[in-house]
Amino acid sequence: MPTYISLINWTEKGIGAFKDTVDRSAASQQLAAKFGGTFEIYWTIGPYDIVAISEFPDDDSATAFALMLGSQGNVRTSTLRAYRADEMRSIIAKTA
């Protein structure tokens, strides 16, 4: 499945309810499962409050999940499509 890395910051609403962040994480994992994916988060120190690694069957499912997550108003996300070594080899092979 395609892998995605999300760089996440809390909104004012999200930081105001920081004590609920672990519960919201569990809810986001359940939401990801509804789209056929997985979502694992890490709380971080620095320019991002959270970094997440997820997998979804396709870009459409990943985007639908991100829209639903963002619509809750607790976070803003920047999501990157990530490639493993074998996927990158396949991409490079297409350039030959």
PDB file of N, CA and C in Angstrom:
ATOM      1  N   MET A   1       0.844  -1.178   0.000  1.00  0.00           N
ATOM      2  CA  MET A   1       0.000   0.000   0.000  1.00  0.00           C
ATOM      3  C   MET A   1       0.891   1.244   0.000  1.00  0.00           C
ATOM      4  N   PRO A   2       0.432   2.295  -0.626  1.00  0.00           N
ATOM      5  CA  PRO A   2       1.185   3.543  -0.598  1.00  0.00           C
ATOM      6  C   PRO A   2       1.351   4.066   0.834  1.00  0.00           C
ATOM      7  N   THR A   3       2.509   4.648   1.079  1.00  0.00           N
ATOM      8  CA  THR A   3       2.843   5.200   2.387  1.00  0.00           C
ATOM      9  C   THR A   3       2.812   6.724   2.320  1.00  0.00           C
ATOM     10  N   TYR A   4       2.380   7.338   3.406  1.00  0.00           N
ATOM     11  CA  TYR A   4       2.288   8.793   3.492  1.00  0.00           C
ATOM     12  C   TYR A   4       2.893   9.243   4.818  1.00  0.00           C
ATOM     13  N   ILE A   5       3.570  10.374   4.779  1.00  0.00           N
ATOM     14  CA  ILE A   5       4.085  10.997   5.996  1.00  0.00           C
ATOM     15  C   ILE A   5       3.381  12.334   6.138  1.00  0.00           C
ATOM     16  N   SER A   6       2.786  12.547   7.301  1.00  0.00           N
ATOM     17  CA  SER A   6       2.058  13.794   7.552  1.00  0.00           C
ATOM     18  C   SER A   6       2.771  14.593   8.632  1.00  0.00           C
ATOM     19  N   LEU A   7       2.978  15.862   8.342  1.00  0.00           N
ATOM     20  CA  LEU A   7       3.523  16.822   9.298  1.00  0.00           C
ATOM     21  C   LEU A   7       2.324  17.612   9.818  1.00  0.00           C
ATOM     22  N   ILE A   8       2.116  17.563  11.114  1.00  0.00           N
ATOM     23  CA  ILE A   8       0.856  18.035  11.692  1.00  0.00           C
ATOM     24  C   ILE A   8       1.100  19.074  12.774  1.00  0.00           C
ATOM     25  N   ASN A   9       0.280  20.105  12.762  1.00  0.00           N
ATOM     26  CA  ASN A   9       0.271  21.100  13.837  1.00  0.00           C
ATOM     27  C   ASN A   9      -1.131  21.215  14.403  1.00  0.00           C
ATOM     28  N   TRP A  10      -1.181  21.414  15.714  1.00  0.00           N
ATOM     29  CA  TRP A  10      -2.450  21.663  16.352  1.00  0.00           C
ATOM     30  C   TRP A  10      -2.984  23.031  15.960  1.00  0.00           C
ATOM     31  N   THR A  11      -4.277  23.138  15.852  1.00  0.00           N
ATOM     32  CA  THR A  11      -4.946  24.427  15.714  1.00  0.00           C
ATOM     33  C   THR A  11      -5.156  24.977  17.131  1.00  0.00           C
ATOM     34  N   GLU A  12      -5.722  26.156  17.235  1.00  0.00           N
ATOM     35  CA  GLU A  12      -6.050  26.706  18.559  1.00  0.00           C
ATOM     36  C   GLU A  12      -7.004  25.767  19.299  1.00  0.00           C
ATOM     37  N   LYS A  13      -7.962  25.206  18.566  1.00  0.00           N
ATOM     38  CA  LYS A  13      -8.903  24.253  19.167  1.00  0.00           C
ATOM     39  C   LYS A  13      -8.161  23.015  19.663  1.00  0.00           C
ATOM     40  N   GLY A  14      -7.246  22.515  18.856  1.00  0.00           N
ATOM     41  CA  GLY A  14      -6.514  21.302  19.208  1.00  0.00           C
ATOM     42  C   GLY A  14      -5.608  21.475  20.409  1.00  0.00           C
ATOM     43  N   ILE A  15      -4.874  22.588  20.466  1.00  0.00           N
ATOM     44  CA  ILE A  15      -3.984  22.811  21.606  1.00  0.00           C
ATOM     45  C   ILE A  15      -4.787  23.089  22.870  1.00  0.00           C
ATOM     46  N   GLY A  16      -5.942  23.697  22.701  1.00  0.00           N
ATOM     47  CA  GLY A  16      -6.796  23.952  23.860  1.00  0.00           C
ATOM     48  C   GLY A  16      -7.289  22.684  24.522  1.00  0.00           C
ATOM     49  N   ALA A  17      -7.348  21.613  23.747  1.00  0.00           N
ATOM     50  CA  ALA A  17      -7.810  20.320  24.258  1.00  0.00           C
ATOM     51  C   ALA A  17      -6.682  19.286  24.188  1.00  0.00           C
ATOM     52  N   PHE A  18      -5.442  19.731  24.464  1.00  0.00           N
ATOM     53  CA  PHE A  18      -4.291  18.834  24.338  1.00  0.00           C
ATOM     54  C   PHE A  18      -4.400  17.595  25.216  1.00  0.00           C
ATOM     55  N   LYS A  19      -5.122  17.684  26.318  1.00  0.00           N
ATOM     56  CA  LYS A  19      -5.256  16.524  27.202  1.00  0.00           C
ATOM     57  C   LYS A  19      -6.014  15.375  26.545  1.00  0.00           C
ATOM     58  N   ASP A  20      -6.744  15.661  25.479  1.00  0.00           N
ATOM     59  CA  ASP A  20      -7.503  14.637  24.761  1.00  0.00           C
ATOM     60  C   ASP A  20      -6.731  14.054  23.580  1.00  0.00           C
ATOM     61  N   THR A  21      -5.475  14.472  23.384  1.00  0.00           N
ATOM     62  CA  THR A  21      -4.753  14.111  22.164  1.00  0.00           C
ATOM     63  C   THR A  21      -4.576  12.607  21.981  1.00  0.00           C
ATOM     64  N   VAL A  22      -4.369  11.871  23.075  1.00  0.00           N
ATOM     65  CA  VAL A  22      -4.190  10.422  22.936  1.00  0.00           C
ATOM     66  C   VAL A  22      -5.502   9.772  22.515  1.00  0.00           C
ATOM     67  N   ASP A  23      -6.600  10.233  23.084  1.00  0.00           N
ATOM     68  CA  ASP A  23      -7.908   9.706  22.684  1.00  0.00           C
ATOM     69  C   ASP A  23      -8.228  10.071  21.236  1.00  0.00           C
ATOM     70  N   ARG A  24      -7.877  11.297  20.829  1.00  0.00           N
ATOM     71  CA  ARG A  24      -8.103  11.692  19.437  1.00  0.00           C
ATOM     72  C   ARG A  24      -7.246  10.856  18.496  1.00  0.00           C
ATOM     73  N   SER A  25      -6.055  10.483  18.939  1.00  0.00           N
ATOM     74  CA  SER A  25      -5.196   9.621  18.129  1.00  0.00           C
ATOM     75  C   SER A  25      -5.865   8.271  17.889  1.00  0.00           C
ATOM     76  N   ALA A  26      -6.424   7.698  18.939  1.00  0.00           N
ATOM     77  CA  ALA A  26      -7.122   6.413  18.797  1.00  0.00           C
ATOM     78  C   ALA A  26      -8.310   6.543  17.849  1.00  0.00           C
ATOM     79  N   ALA A  27      -9.031   7.652  17.949  1.00  0.00           N
ATOM     80  CA  ALA A  27     -10.166   7.874  17.048  1.00  0.00           C
ATOM     81  C   ALA A  27      -9.687   8.033  15.606  1.00  0.00           C
ATOM     82  N   SER A  28      -8.540   8.678  15.409  1.00  0.00           N
ATOM     83  CA  SER A  28      -8.025   8.851  14.043  1.00  0.00           C
ATOM     84  C   SER A  28      -7.598   7.513  13.451  1.00  0.00           C
ATOM     85  N   GLN A  29      -7.100   6.610  14.283  1.00  0.00           N
ATOM     86  CA  GLN A  29      -6.746   5.275  13.789  1.00  0.00           C
ATOM     87  C   GLN A  29      -7.995   4.511  13.349  1.00  0.00           C
ATOM     88  N   GLN A  30      -9.072   4.663  14.088  1.00  0.00           N
ATOM     89  CA  GLN A  30     -10.335   4.029  13.697  1.00  0.00           C
ATOM     90  C   GLN A  30     -10.860   4.631  12.403  1.00  0.00           C
ATOM     91  N   LEU A  31     -10.724   5.944  12.253  1.00  0.00           N
ATOM     92  CA  LEU A  31     -11.157   6.614  11.027  1.00  0.00           C
ATOM     93  C   LEU A  31     -10.333   6.124   9.841  1.00  0.00           C
ATOM     94  N   ALA A  32      -9.033   5.995  10.014  1.00  0.00           N
ATOM     95  CA  ALA A  32      -8.173   5.501   8.933  1.00  0.00           C
ATOM     96  C   ALA A  32      -8.607   4.103   8.498  1.00  0.00           C
ATOM     97  N   ALA A  33      -8.954   3.272   9.450  1.00  0.00           N
ATOM     98  CA  ALA A  33      -9.389   1.906   9.134  1.00  0.00           C
ATOM     99  C   ALA A  33     -10.643   1.909   8.261  1.00  0.00           C
ATOM    100  N   LYS A  34     -11.518   2.885   8.447  1.00  0.00           N
ATOM    101  CA  LYS A  34     -12.724   2.977   7.617  1.00  0.00           C
ATOM    102  C   LYS A  34     -12.379   3.226   6.153  1.00  0.00           C
ATOM    103  N   PHE A  35     -11.211   3.826   5.919  1.00  0.00           N
ATOM    104  CA  PHE A  35     -10.756   4.080   4.550  1.00  0.00           C
ATOM    105  C   PHE A  35      -9.757   3.018   4.092  1.00  0.00           C
ATOM    106  N   GLY A  36      -9.649   1.933   4.843  1.00  0.00           N
ATOM    107  CA  GLY A  36      -8.757   0.840   4.476  1.00  0.00           C
ATOM    108  C   GLY A  36      -7.304   1.087   4.809  1.00  0.00           C
ATOM    109  N   GLY A  37      -7.044   2.027   5.717  1.00  0.00           N
ATOM    110  CA  GLY A  37      -5.669   2.401   6.009  1.00  0.00           C
ATOM    111  C   GLY A  37      -5.262   2.236   7.449  1.00  0.00           C
ATOM    112  N   THR A  38      -4.017   2.611   7.701  1.00  0.00           N
ATOM    113  CA  THR A  38      -3.458   2.644   9.045  1.00  0.00           C
ATOM    114  C   THR A  38      -2.900   4.039   9.277  1.00  0.00           C
ATOM    115  N   PHE A  39      -2.818   4.446  10.545  1.00  0.00           N
ATOM    116  CA  PHE A  39      -2.376   5.790  10.885  1.00  0.00           C
ATOM    117  C   PHE A  39      -1.675   5.726  12.233  1.00  0.00           C
ATOM    118  N   GLU A  40      -0.371   5.945  12.241  1.00  0.00           N
ATOM    119  CA  GLU A  40       0.408   5.897  13.479  1.00  0.00           C
ATOM    120  C   GLU A  40       1.036   7.261  13.707  1.00  0.00           C
ATOM    121  N   ILE A  41       0.821   7.814  14.905  1.00  0.00           N
ATOM    122  CA  ILE A  41       1.345   9.154  15.147  1.00  0.00           C
ATOM    123  C   ILE A  41       2.426   9.146  16.210  1.00  0.00           C
ATOM    124  N   TYR A  42       3.274  10.165  16.102  1.00  0.00           N
ATOM    125  CA  TYR A  42       4.331  10.428  17.064  1.00  0.00           C
ATOM    126  C   TYR A  42       4.220  11.895  17.472  1.00  0.00           C
ATOM    127  N   TRP A  43       4.164  12.155  18.754  1.00  0.00           N
ATOM    128  CA  TRP A  43       4.162  13.527  19.235  1.00  0.00           C
ATOM    129  C   TRP A  43       5.606  14.010  19.216  1.00  0.00           C
ATOM    130  N   THR A  44       5.822  15.217  18.729  1.00  0.00           N
ATOM    131  CA  THR A  44       7.178  15.692  18.526  1.00  0.00           C
ATOM    132  C   THR A  44       7.384  17.076  19.136  1.00  0.00           C
ATOM    133  N   ILE A  45       8.639  17.415  19.293  1.00  0.00           N
ATOM    134  CA  ILE A  45       9.047  18.743  19.741  1.00  0.00           C
ATOM    135  C   ILE A  45       9.748  19.398  18.559  1.00  0.00           C
ATOM    136  N   GLY A  46       9.406  20.622  18.270  1.00  0.00           N
ATOM    137  CA  GLY A  46      10.008  21.321  17.140  1.00  0.00           C
ATOM    138  C   GLY A  46       8.931  22.020  16.338  1.00  0.00           C
ATOM    139  N   PRO A  47       9.174  22.195  15.037  1.00  0.00           N
ATOM    140  CA  PRO A  47       8.213  22.962  14.231  1.00  0.00           C
ATOM    141  C   PRO A  47       6.878  22.244  14.013  1.00  0.00           C
ATOM    142  N   TYR A  48       6.823  20.944  14.276  1.00  0.00           N
ATOM    143  CA  TYR A  48       5.575  20.193  14.127  1.00  0.00           C
ATOM    144  C   TYR A  48       5.216  19.551  15.458  1.00  0.00           C
ATOM    145  N   ASP A  49       3.934  19.550  15.769  1.00  0.00           N
ATOM    146  CA  ASP A  49       3.462  18.950  17.014  1.00  0.00           C
ATOM    147  C   ASP A  49       3.362  17.438  16.922  1.00  0.00           C
ATOM    148  N   ILE A  50       3.083  16.962  15.710  1.00  0.00           N
ATOM    149  CA  ILE A  50       2.873  15.531  15.486  1.00  0.00           C
ATOM    150  C   ILE A  50       3.434  15.180  14.114  1.00  0.00           C
ATOM    151  N   VAL A  51       4.010  13.986  14.012  1.00  0.00           N
ATOM    152  CA  VAL A  51       4.382  13.415  12.720  1.00  0.00           C
ATOM    153  C   VAL A  51       3.666  12.072  12.644  1.00  0.00           C
ATOM    154  N   ALA A  52       3.034  11.813  11.510  1.00  0.00           N
ATOM    155  CA  ALA A  52       2.288  10.561  11.354  1.00  0.00           C
ATOM    156  C   ALA A  52       2.769   9.810  10.127  1.00  0.00           C
ATOM    157  N   ILE A  53       2.757   8.499  10.239  1.00  0.00           N
ATOM    158  CA  ILE A  53       3.045   7.621   9.113  1.00  0.00           C
ATOM    159  C   ILE A  53       1.788   6.800   8.877  1.00  0.00           C
ATOM    160  N   SER A  54       1.315   6.835   7.655  1.00  0.00           N
ATOM    161  CA  SER A  54       0.082   6.114   7.337  1.00  0.00           C
ATOM    162  C   SER A  54       0.238   5.350   6.038  1.00  0.00           C
ATOM    163  N   GLU A  55      -0.641   4.405   5.859  1.00  0.00           N
ATOM    164  CA  GLU A  55      -0.747   3.654   4.606  1.00  0.00           C
ATOM    165  C   GLU A  55      -2.215   3.594   4.229  1.00  0.00           C
ATOM    166  N   PHE A  56      -2.476   3.794   2.952  1.00  0.00           N
ATOM    167  CA  PHE A  56      -3.835   3.709   2.423  1.00  0.00           C
ATOM    168  C   PHE A  56      -3.787   2.985   1.091  1.00  0.00           C
ATOM    169  N   PRO A  57      -4.907   2.403   0.683  1.00  0.00           N
ATOM    170  CA  PRO A  57      -4.927   1.662  -0.583  1.00  0.00           C
ATOM    171  C   PRO A  57      -4.594   2.528  -1.796  1.00  0.00           C
ATOM    172  N   ASP A  58      -4.903   3.831  -1.730  1.00  0.00           N
ATOM    173  CA  ASP A  58      -4.689   4.717  -2.874  1.00  0.00           C
ATOM    174  C   ASP A  58      -4.738   6.165  -2.416  1.00  0.00           C
ATOM    175  N   ASP A  59      -4.362   7.067  -3.326  1.00  0.00           N
ATOM    176  CA  ASP A  59      -4.342   8.500  -2.995  1.00  0.00           C
ATOM    177  C   ASP A  59      -5.728   9.039  -2.653  1.00  0.00           C
ATOM    178  N   ASP A  60      -6.753   8.531  -3.328  1.00  0.00           N
ATOM    179  CA  ASP A  60      -8.113   8.999  -3.047  1.00  0.00           C
ATOM    180  C   ASP A  60      -8.514   8.701  -1.604  1.00  0.00           C
ATOM    181  N   SER A  61      -8.201   7.497  -1.132  1.00  0.00           N
ATOM    182  CA  SER A  61      -8.531   7.126   0.248  1.00  0.00           C
ATOM    183  C   SER A  61      -7.737   7.962   1.241  1.00  0.00           C
ATOM    184  N   ALA A  62      -6.459   8.183   0.949  1.00  0.00           N
ATOM    185  CA  ALA A  62      -5.621   9.012   1.827  1.00  0.00           C
ATOM    186  C   ALA A  62      -6.149  10.438   1.888  1.00  0.00           C
ATOM    187  N   THR A  63      -6.568  10.971   0.756  1.00  0.00           N
ATOM    188  CA  THR A  63      -7.080  12.333   0.710  1.00  0.00           C
ATOM    189  C   THR A  63      -8.413  12.444   1.444  1.00  0.00           C
ATOM    190  N   ALA A  64      -9.290  11.476   1.262  1.00  0.00           N
ATOM    191  CA  ALA A  64     -10.573  11.488   1.965  1.00  0.00           C
ATOM    192  C   ALA A  64     -10.350  11.439   3.472  1.00  0.00           C
ATOM    193  N   PHE A  65      -9.413  10.614   3.912  1.00  0.00           N
ATOM    194  CA  PHE A  65      -9.082  10.548   5.341  1.00  0.00           C
ATOM    195  C   PHE A  65      -8.572  11.899   5.834  1.00  0.00           C
ATOM    196  N   ALA A  66      -7.648  12.503   5.107  1.00  0.00           N
ATOM    197  CA  ALA A  66      -7.082  13.793   5.514  1.00  0.00           C
ATOM    198  C   ALA A  66      -8.164  14.869   5.594  1.00  0.00           C
ATOM    199  N   LEU A  67      -9.097  14.850   4.674  1.00  0.00           N
ATOM    200  CA  LEU A  67     -10.201  15.815   4.704  1.00  0.00           C
ATOM    201  C   LEU A  67     -11.065  15.615   5.943  1.00  0.00           C
ATOM    202  N   MET A  68     -11.386  14.369   6.237  1.00  0.00           N
ATOM    203  CA  MET A  68     -12.214  14.081   7.414  1.00  0.00           C
ATOM    204  C   MET A  68     -11.472  14.447   8.700  1.00  0.00           C
ATOM    205  N   LEU A  69     -10.183  14.141   8.758  1.00  0.00           N
ATOM    206  CA  LEU A  69      -9.397  14.474   9.938  1.00  0.00           C
ATOM    207  C   LEU A  69      -9.335  15.988  10.133  1.00  0.00           C
ATOM    208  N   GLY A  70      -9.028  16.697   9.070  1.00  0.00           N
ATOM    209  CA  GLY A  70      -8.932  18.148   9.139  1.00  0.00           C
ATOM    210  C   GLY A  70     -10.251  18.828   9.467  1.00  0.00           C
ATOM    211  N   SER A  71     -11.350  18.233   9.019  1.00  0.00           N
ATOM    212  CA  SER A  71     -12.657  18.854   9.239  1.00  0.00           C
ATOM    213  C   SER A  71     -13.053  18.877  10.707  1.00  0.00           C
ATOM    214  N   GLN A  72     -12.386  18.103  11.536  1.00  0.00           N
ATOM    215  CA  GLN A  72     -12.684  18.096  12.964  1.00  0.00           C
ATOM    216  C   GLN A  72     -12.143  19.348  13.662  1.00  0.00           C
ATOM    217  N   GLY A  73     -11.225  20.046  12.994  1.00  0.00           N
ATOM    218  CA  GLY A  73     -10.759  21.328  13.486  1.00  0.00           C
ATOM    219  C   GLY A  73      -9.627  21.313  14.493  1.00  0.00           C
ATOM    220  N   ASN A  74      -9.075  20.145  14.790  1.00  0.00           N
ATOM    221  CA  ASN A  74      -8.012  20.062  15.792  1.00  0.00           C
ATOM    222  C   ASN A  74      -6.607  20.188  15.231  1.00  0.00           C
ATOM    223  N   VAL A  75      -6.442  19.867  13.954  1.00  0.00           N
ATOM    224  CA  VAL A  75      -5.103  19.862  13.355  1.00  0.00           C
ATOM    225  C   VAL A  75      -5.122  20.412  11.941  1.00  0.00           C
ATOM    226  N   ARG A  76      -3.934  20.831  11.503  1.00  0.00           N
ATOM    227  CA  ARG A  76      -3.669  21.180  10.107  1.00  0.00           C
ATOM    228  C   ARG A  76      -2.568  20.232   9.653  1.00  0.00           C
ATOM    229  N   THR A  77      -2.729  19.673   8.473  1.00  0.00           N
ATOM    230  CA  THR A  77      -1.771  18.671   8.009  1.00  0.00           C
ATOM    231  C   THR A  77      -1.099  19.073   6.699  1.00  0.00           C
ATOM    232  N   SER A  78       0.129  18.617   6.551  1.00  0.00           N
ATOM    233  CA  SER A  78       0.847  18.641   5.275  1.00  0.00           C
ATOM    234  C   SER A  78       1.274  17.199   5.047  1.00  0.00           C
ATOM    235  N   THR A  79       0.764  16.594   3.994  1.00  0.00           N
ATOM    236  CA  THR A  79       0.999  15.173   3.782  1.00  0.00           C
ATOM    237  C   THR A  79       1.867  14.948   2.557  1.00  0.00           C
ATOM    238  N   LEU A  80       2.832  14.051   2.710  1.00  0.00           N
ATOM    239  CA  LEU A  80       3.792  13.722   1.664  1.00  0.00           C
ATOM    240  C   LEU A  80       3.649  12.256   1.278  1.00  0.00           C
ATOM    241  N   ARG A  81       3.666  11.970  -0.008  1.00  0.00           N
ATOM    242  CA  ARG A  81       3.691  10.571  -0.467  1.00  0.00           C
ATOM    243  C   ARG A  81       5.129  10.092  -0.308  1.00  0.00           C
ATOM    244  N   ALA A  82       5.323   8.976   0.358  1.00  0.00           N
ATOM    245  CA  ALA A  82       6.657   8.429   0.608  1.00  0.00           C
ATOM    246  C   ALA A  82       6.839   7.131  -0.171  1.00  0.00           C
ATOM    247  N   TYR A  83       8.085   6.869  -0.587  1.00  0.00           N
ATOM    248  CA  TYR A  83       8.404   5.670  -1.363  1.00  0.00           C
ATOM    249  C   TYR A  83       9.477   4.860  -0.653  1.00  0.00           C
ATOM    250  N   ARG A  84       9.262   3.566  -0.572  1.00  0.00           N
ATOM    251  CA  ARG A  84      10.274   2.647  -0.040  1.00  0.00           C
ATOM    252  C   ARG A  84      11.305   2.384  -1.138  1.00  0.00           C
ATOM    253  N   ALA A  85      12.406   1.744  -0.756  1.00  0.00           N
ATOM    254  CA  ALA A  85      13.497   1.492  -1.711  1.00  0.00           C
ATOM    255  C   ALA A  85      13.015   0.699  -2.927  1.00  0.00           C
ATOM    256  N   ASP A  86      12.214  -0.338  -2.718  1.00  0.00           N
ATOM    257  CA  ASP A  86      11.749  -1.143  -3.854  1.00  0.00           C
ATOM    258  C   ASP A  86      10.840  -0.336  -4.773  1.00  0.00           C
ATOM    259  N   GLU A  87      10.037   0.539  -4.201  1.00  0.00           N
ATOM    260  CA  GLU A  87       9.175   1.391  -5.022  1.00  0.00           C
ATOM    261  C   GLU A  87      10.013   2.387  -5.827  1.00  0.00           C
ATOM    262  N   MET A  88      11.051   2.913  -5.203  1.00  0.00           N
ATOM    263  CA  MET A  88      11.913   3.868  -5.896  1.00  0.00           C
ATOM    264  C   MET A  88      12.669   3.188  -7.025  1.00  0.00           C
ATOM    265  N   ARG A  89      13.106   1.946  -6.805  1.00  0.00           N
ATOM    266  CA  ARG A  89      13.781   1.192  -7.887  1.00  0.00           C
ATOM    267  C   ARG A  89      12.851   1.024  -9.083  1.00  0.00           C
ATOM    268  N   SER A  90      11.595   0.723  -8.804  1.00  0.00           N
ATOM    269  CA  SER A  90      10.622   0.562  -9.882  1.00  0.00           C
ATOM    270  C   SER A  90      10.435   1.874 -10.642  1.00  0.00           C
ATOM    271  N   ILE A  91      10.386   2.977  -9.934  1.00  0.00           N
ATOM    272  CA  ILE A  91      10.244   4.287 -10.571  1.00  0.00           C
ATOM    273  C   ILE A  91      11.465   4.576 -11.440  1.00  0.00           C
ATOM    274  N   ILE A  92      12.653   4.344 -10.896  1.00  0.00           N
ATOM    275  CA  ILE A  92      13.886   4.599 -11.633  1.00  0.00           C
ATOM    276  C   ILE A  92      13.962   3.721 -12.878  1.00  0.00           C
ATOM    277  N   ALA A  93      13.493   2.470 -12.763  1.00  0.00           N
ATOM    278  CA  ALA A  93      13.519   1.550 -13.909  1.00  0.00           C
ATOM    279  C   ALA A  93      12.688   2.078 -15.072  1.00  0.00           C
ATOM    280  N   LYS A  94      11.681   2.841 -14.795  1.00  0.00           N
ATOM    281  CA  LYS A  94      10.824   3.391 -15.854  1.00  0.00           C
ATOM    282  C   LYS A  94      11.528   4.488 -16.637  1.00  0.00           C
ATOM    283  N   THR A  95      12.631   4.992 -16.131  1.00  0.00           N
ATOM    284  CA  THR A  95      13.350   6.059 -16.826  1.00  0.00           C
ATOM    285  C   THR A  95      14.359   5.521 -17.824  1.00  0.00           C
ATOM    286  N   ALA A  96      14.567   4.223 -17.811  1.00  0.00           N
ATOM    287  CA  ALA A  96      15.580   3.627 -18.704  1.00  0.00           C
ATOM    288  C   ALA A  96      15.075   3.523 -20.142  1.00  0.00           C
TER     289      ALA A  96
END
